């Protein structure tokens, strides 16, 4: 548990232990999410990544991607298909 004082402008200093825990660095943005009667603070970048992961959940299975080699093979296939569309001089 950490304690922070609110200034007259509504600002707080996030304690170092909390910044370390959340991976917050200078210039990062934080997100405040209301969950019932509580407000949760999180690293906005981490939250965006989690949202992207949720959005793509199950897509690998649908595409038949089971491991890293499947990804490599898919990239090679796409490059081969597009090869004719790009000419280098």
C-alpha atoms as a PDB file:
ATOM      1  CA  UNK A   1       0.000   0.000   0.000  1.00  0.00           C
ATOM      2  CA  UNK A   2       1.337   3.426  -0.944  1.00  0.00           C
ATOM      3  CA  UNK A   3       0.118   6.911  -0.081  1.00  0.00           C
ATOM      4  CA  UNK A   4       0.242  10.058  -2.244  1.00  0.00           C
ATOM      5  CA  UNK A   5      -0.810  13.620  -1.419  1.00  0.00           C
ATOM      6  CA  UNK A   6      -3.039  15.574  -3.819  1.00  0.00           C
ATOM      7  CA  UNK A   7      -1.905  19.138  -4.617  1.00  0.00           C
ATOM      8  CA  UNK A   8      -4.246  22.124  -4.993  1.00  0.00           C
ATOM      9  CA  UNK A   9      -4.154  21.478  -8.775  1.00  0.00           C
ATOM     10  CA  UNK A  10      -5.282  17.868  -8.333  1.00  0.00           C
ATOM     11  CA  UNK A  11      -1.840  16.454  -9.071  1.00  0.00           C
ATOM     12  CA  UNK A  12      -0.162  13.530  -7.336  1.00  0.00           C
ATOM     13  CA  UNK A  13       3.263  11.957  -7.492  1.00  0.00           C
ATOM     14  CA  UNK A  14       2.990   8.248  -8.214  1.00  0.00           C
ATOM     15  CA  UNK A  15       5.224   6.467  -5.692  1.00  0.00           C
ATOM     16  CA  UNK A  16       8.342   4.873  -7.197  1.00  0.00           C
ATOM     17  CA  UNK A  17       7.283   1.363  -6.148  1.00  0.00           C
ATOM     18  CA  UNK A  18       3.965   1.748  -8.008  1.00  0.00           C
ATOM     19  CA  UNK A  19       5.674   3.185 -11.113  1.00  0.00           C
ATOM     20  CA  UNK A  20       8.039   0.197 -11.123  1.00  0.00           C
ATOM     21  CA  UNK A  21       5.185  -2.264 -10.619  1.00  0.00           C
ATOM     22  CA  UNK A  22       3.202  -0.790 -13.539  1.00  0.00           C
ATOM     23  CA  UNK A  23       6.234  -0.212 -15.774  1.00  0.00           C
ATOM     24  CA  UNK A  24       5.517   3.526 -15.939  1.00  0.00           C
ATOM     25  CA  UNK A  25       8.351   5.701 -17.179  1.00  0.00           C
ATOM     26  CA  UNK A  26       8.783   9.428 -17.746  1.00  0.00           C
ATOM     27  CA  UNK A  27       6.335  10.599 -20.431  1.00  0.00           C
ATOM     28  CA  UNK A  28       4.076   7.518 -20.250  1.00  0.00           C
ATOM     29  CA  UNK A  29       0.332   7.924 -19.988  1.00  0.00           C
ATOM     30  CA  UNK A  30      -1.744   6.321 -17.270  1.00  0.00           C
ATOM     31  CA  UNK A  31      -5.325   5.172 -17.521  1.00  0.00           C
ATOM     32  CA  UNK A  32      -7.914   5.408 -14.742  1.00  0.00           C
ATOM     33  CA  UNK A  33     -10.729   2.850 -14.967  1.00  0.00           C
ATOM     34  CA  UNK A  34     -13.755   2.842 -12.693  1.00  0.00           C
ATOM     35  CA  UNK A  35     -14.650  -0.619 -11.400  1.00  0.00           C
ATOM     36  CA  UNK A  36     -17.706  -0.274  -9.202  1.00  0.00           C
ATOM     37  CA  UNK A  37     -16.813   2.012  -6.303  1.00  0.00           C
ATOM     38  CA  UNK A  38     -13.061   1.718  -6.994  1.00  0.00           C
ATOM     39  CA  UNK A  39     -10.784   3.364  -9.540  1.00  0.00           C
ATOM     40  CA  UNK A  40      -7.905   1.320 -10.948  1.00  0.00           C
ATOM     41  CA  UNK A  41      -4.820   2.992 -12.418  1.00  0.00           C
ATOM     42  CA  UNK A  42      -2.855   1.203 -15.139  1.00  0.00           C
ATOM     43  CA  UNK A  43      -0.187   1.837 -17.717  1.00  0.00           C
ATOM     44  CA  UNK A  44      -2.122   2.981 -20.825  1.00  0.00           C
ATOM     45  CA  UNK A  45       0.335   1.252 -23.208  1.00  0.00           C
ATOM     46  CA  UNK A  46      -0.044  -2.072 -21.435  1.00  0.00           C
ATOM     47  CA  UNK A  47      -3.827  -1.685 -21.498  1.00  0.00           C
ATOM     48  CA  UNK A  48      -3.767  -1.002 -25.270  1.00  0.00           C
ATOM     49  CA  UNK A  49      -1.709  -4.155 -25.824  1.00  0.00           C
ATOM     50  CA  UNK A  50      -4.134  -6.207 -23.719  1.00  0.00           C
ATOM     51  CA  UNK A  51      -7.080  -4.843 -25.738  1.00  0.00           C
ATOM     52  CA  UNK A  52      -5.335  -5.792 -28.997  1.00  0.00           C
ATOM     53  CA  UNK A  53      -4.644  -9.284 -27.683  1.00  0.00           C
ATOM     54  CA  UNK A  54      -8.311  -9.703 -26.745  1.00  0.00           C
ATOM     55  CA  UNK A  55      -9.421  -8.459 -30.185  1.00  0.00           C
ATOM     56  CA  UNK A  56      -7.209 -11.009 -31.954  1.00  0.00           C
ATOM     57  CA  UNK A  57      -7.862 -13.866 -29.557  1.00  0.00           C
ATOM     58  CA  UNK A  58      -8.625 -17.034 -31.518  1.00  0.00           C
ATOM     59  CA  UNK A  59      -7.454 -15.626 -34.872  1.00  0.00           C
ATOM     60  CA  UNK A  60      -4.275 -17.732 -34.921  1.00  0.00           C
ATOM     61  CA  UNK A  61      -6.323 -20.891 -34.519  1.00  0.00           C
ATOM     62  CA  UNK A  62      -8.680 -19.818 -37.325  1.00  0.00           C
ATOM     63  CA  UNK A  63      -5.701 -19.141 -39.602  1.00  0.00           C
ATOM     64  CA  UNK A  64      -4.029 -22.444 -38.729  1.00  0.00           C
ATOM     65  CA  UNK A  65      -1.104 -20.781 -36.956  1.00  0.00           C
ATOM     66  CA  UNK A  66       0.120 -23.077 -34.193  1.00  0.00           C
ATOM     67  CA  UNK A  67       3.765 -22.135 -33.764  1.00  0.00           C
ATOM     68  CA  UNK A  68       6.516 -19.778 -34.894  1.00  0.00           C
ATOM     69  CA  UNK A  69       7.288 -21.860 -37.989  1.00  0.00           C
ATOM     70  CA  UNK A  70       3.686 -21.430 -39.171  1.00  0.00           C
ATOM     71  CA  UNK A  71       4.173 -17.633 -38.951  1.00  0.00           C
ATOM     72  CA  UNK A  72       7.438 -17.842 -40.927  1.00  0.00           C
ATOM     73  CA  UNK A  73       5.749 -19.978 -43.584  1.00  0.00           C
ATOM     74  CA  UNK A  74       2.810 -17.557 -43.810  1.00  0.00           C
ATOM     75  CA  UNK A  75       5.144 -14.580 -44.295  1.00  0.00           C
ATOM     76  CA  UNK A  76       7.052 -16.435 -47.043  1.00  0.00           C
ATOM     77  CA  UNK A  77       3.780 -17.302 -48.785  1.00  0.00           C
ATOM     78  CA  UNK A  78       2.554 -13.692 -48.694  1.00  0.00           C
ATOM     79  CA  UNK A  79       5.900 -12.404 -49.964  1.00  0.00           C
ATOM     80  CA  UNK A  80       5.820 -14.924 -52.824  1.00  0.00           C
ATOM     81  CA  UNK A  81       2.286 -13.849 -53.783  1.00  0.00           C
ATOM     82  CA  UNK A  82       3.244 -10.156 -53.773  1.00  0.00           C
ATOM     83  CA  UNK A  83       6.575 -10.603 -55.516  1.00  0.00           C
ATOM     84  CA  UNK A  84       5.047 -10.006 -58.929  1.00  0.00           C
ATOM     85  CA  UNK A  85       3.414  -6.792 -57.726  1.00  0.00           C
ATOM     86  CA  UNK A  86       6.668  -5.099 -56.772  1.00  0.00           C
ATOM     87  CA  UNK A  87       9.545  -4.513 -59.138  1.00  0.00           C
ATOM     88  CA  UNK A  88      13.019  -3.424 -58.058  1.00  0.00           C
ATOM     89  CA  UNK A  89      15.318  -1.606 -60.433  1.00  0.00           C
END
